[in-house]
Amino acid sequence: MHAGLTVVGLGNLTPHLSFLLRVEATRHLVNKTLYVLYSSVLCNFRKGALSCRNSHSGDKLLPGDWPRKKRQLNVIIRSVYSMEKVEEGSPASAGGIAVEDSKVAGKRKSDEASGGGKRRRGARGKKLRPGERYVPPPQKRNPGVSFSREHFEETSYYFEDGLRKVHPYYFDFKTYCKGRWVGKSLLEVFESEFRAESIEYYQSAVKVGRIRLNETPVEDLSVVLKNNDHMKNTVHRHEPPVVGKPLEVLVDDGEVLVVDKPASIPVHPCGRFRHNTVIFILGKERGVSELHTVHRLDRLTSGVLLFARTLEVSKKLDQLVRDRKLEKEYVCRVEGEFPDGELVCEEPILVVSFKIGLCRVDPKGKECRTVFQRLSFNGKNSVVRCLPLTGRTHQIRVHLQYLGFPILNDPIYGASAWGPHKGKGGLVGKSDEELLKALVEEHQGQQNLHLLDVSDNGSMLSQEGRKDNKLEDGSCKAEKIGEVILQATAKEAECSSDVKSDRTLPKESQDPLPDKSHKAQMQTPADPLCSECKLVRADPTEKELIMYLHALRYKGPDFEYSTQLPDWAKDDWLEID
C-alpha cells in the first residue's frame, strides 16, 4: 500500500468544481467504506477549495474548460480509489494535483526498521505492543475447490496379499484455533485434546519445525493461542489397507459416474483414510476429479455409488433424493431364519452418537420405513432384499437389529455389547453412555477400534452430540465416552487394522517379527518421530473388511444403475470361518 496522498496545486479549480469533486469522493467513500483515507483526502480538498475561493472568487467555468476539468477529476478519483501513484505525464500529474508523500512513507519504513511498532493489514492500523504476537485475519475458503493432481501425487499404492496399501507420506493437518482453545497454551491443548501422542513427541516435533502457527515454526509449546490463529502440524501418515479389488466403473457418460464400490473403502477422506478412498483412487488411477457426491455408502458396505460430473446434475439428483423419487434396493445376509413374505419396519431412529454414527430405535427419533423380503435361507442365515423408503443413518442395519436379525458380520449392531439378544425389540438394558462404553471396550479388547471409526488423534469422529446430550460442563457425553479410547489405547486407537501387541511376540524376544508387509512399507524411509513406523501391524482378514450389505440398484425416473449379485448373496455361498 502506498503512503497517503497529498493534494496540492488546487488554485486553478473553481469552487463549483471543488464541490463536484467532494461529492464524487463522498460517493466512493460510501461505496467502499474507506473512511480514514477519504477523510484525509477531503480535508485537503476543502483547504484547496477555500484558497481557490479567496483567489478566484469571480472566475466562472467556461464551456471549453469542463472536459479538461472532468478528466482531471476522474484521474484524482481513480488514483485515490486504487491507492496508486498518478503516472507521470498524466493531466493530473502535469497540473500538480496529486503526488505521493515520500516523507510519510519514509517515516513508516524507518519505524518498521527500528522495531518501533508495525502496521499490518488486518490489524486495523493498531501498533503492536512490545512482545505482542500478530495474528493475520483468517483466509477465505473456497468450498468449490476439489482434490487435484497435487493431492493425488502425495504418495502411491502397492498391492500385497490381495490388499491395496499406501506408502507412508508426510501430511499437514491444519485447523484454526477453536473458541475453547483461546487463552490456552499449545501445551494445554495437546495435553487435553490430542493425546494420541505424548507431550515428548510434540516437544520433539517443535524442535524440528513440524508445528507451525500462522506459517511460523513454533519455538515453545508455552505460546498462548489467540483467536484466528492457524495451526499446522506435519505428521508421517500411515493408512490402513483396504481390499485390492479394482474399482469397476459402471457408467461414465459425462453427466454421472457410477462405480461398484468394494467393501472396506471409504467414499471420501475421513479418519485415517485419504488415498485409500474412492475419490482418491479415481483421481490417481483414472484422472477423474471434481466429482459431486450424490449419496454415500458406509465403508464396509459395497455396491452402486453415484457421483455427479457437474453441479447442475448434482442439484437435479439431490432434488430426486429430497423428493424421495430415487428408488434404492439393497441385499444383505442376516443371522437366523428371516420370516417369509414381505415385512415392513417403521420404527423411528435416533442418533445416539454422531461421533461414531451410532443409532438405535427410539420414539423420539425420526420417522423411518424399510421394506424387507427374504430371498433365501441356508439353514443358518438368510439373504434379505431391503428397500429403504427413507434415508436415515444406518437405517437398514438398525431396523434389522430391532427385528432380531442383525446383518452378518456387522461390527456395531451385531456386537454383544447390546446384550444377550443383541438389541432385539429395542431392549438393551443400558443407558446410551453405558452402551457406548461397552462398545468401545469390546472393540478395544479385540483391537478392532477402527471399526468404530476413530480418528488420528484418538477421539471419535464426526460432529458434536445432540443438544440434549450435554453435560454440565458443556461437553458432549459421547466425547466423555471417547476419552476411554484416549486414556486406555493411545497408539491403538487410530481407526487402523489389527496390531500385534507384545503379548503375541515370542517371550525370548520383544523385537518386531519380520514380515513382507513391513518390508514393503519400509521402502519409504522410516521417520524418527513416527511411532507408527516402529509397529508391525497384522493385515486385516477378509471377515474384518467385509460386512454383508450391498447396494444392488439405484433407479430414478429416467435411469437405472445396478450391479451383479455379490458372491456371498448366492445360494451356494459358504461362510468363511
Foldseek 3Di string as FASTA:
>chain_A
DAAAKAFDLLLVPALVLLVVLLVVLVVVCVVVVPPVRSVVVNVRSVVSNVVNCVVPVPDDDDPVCVVVSVQLSVLVNVCSVVVHARDPPDSVVVSRGIGGDVVRVVVQVVCVVVVVFDQDVQPVRDTDDVPDDDAHAADDDDPQDKDAPVVLVQWDWDDDPQKIFTFWGKDKDKDFDDPVQAFAFQLVCCVPFQLLDDVVLVQVQLVVQQKDWNNHRDNDRRDGDHGRIMIIGMDGAGAFIAGNDDWAWPDDDLFKTKTWFAAQAFQADAFSDHCSHVQSCCCNVVVDMSWAFQDTDPRQATAIGMTTNDPVSSVVSNVCQVVLQKWFKKKAKWWDDDDADKDKDWFFKDQLFQLLRDIEGDNPHDTWMKIKHWDDDDPTITMIMIITSHDDRCVVQRRCLQCQIHTPLQLQQQDCLQDPSSCHVNDRPDDSLSSLLSSCVVCVVVLQLLSSPFHQSQFGHDDADDPVQADPVRHGSSRVSSVCRSPPPSNSSRSHAAFDDQVNDDPVDSQDDDDPVLVVNCVPPDDPSDPVNRTDGDRHDPSSRHTGMYTAWIDHPPDIDGDDDDPCSDPPDDDDD
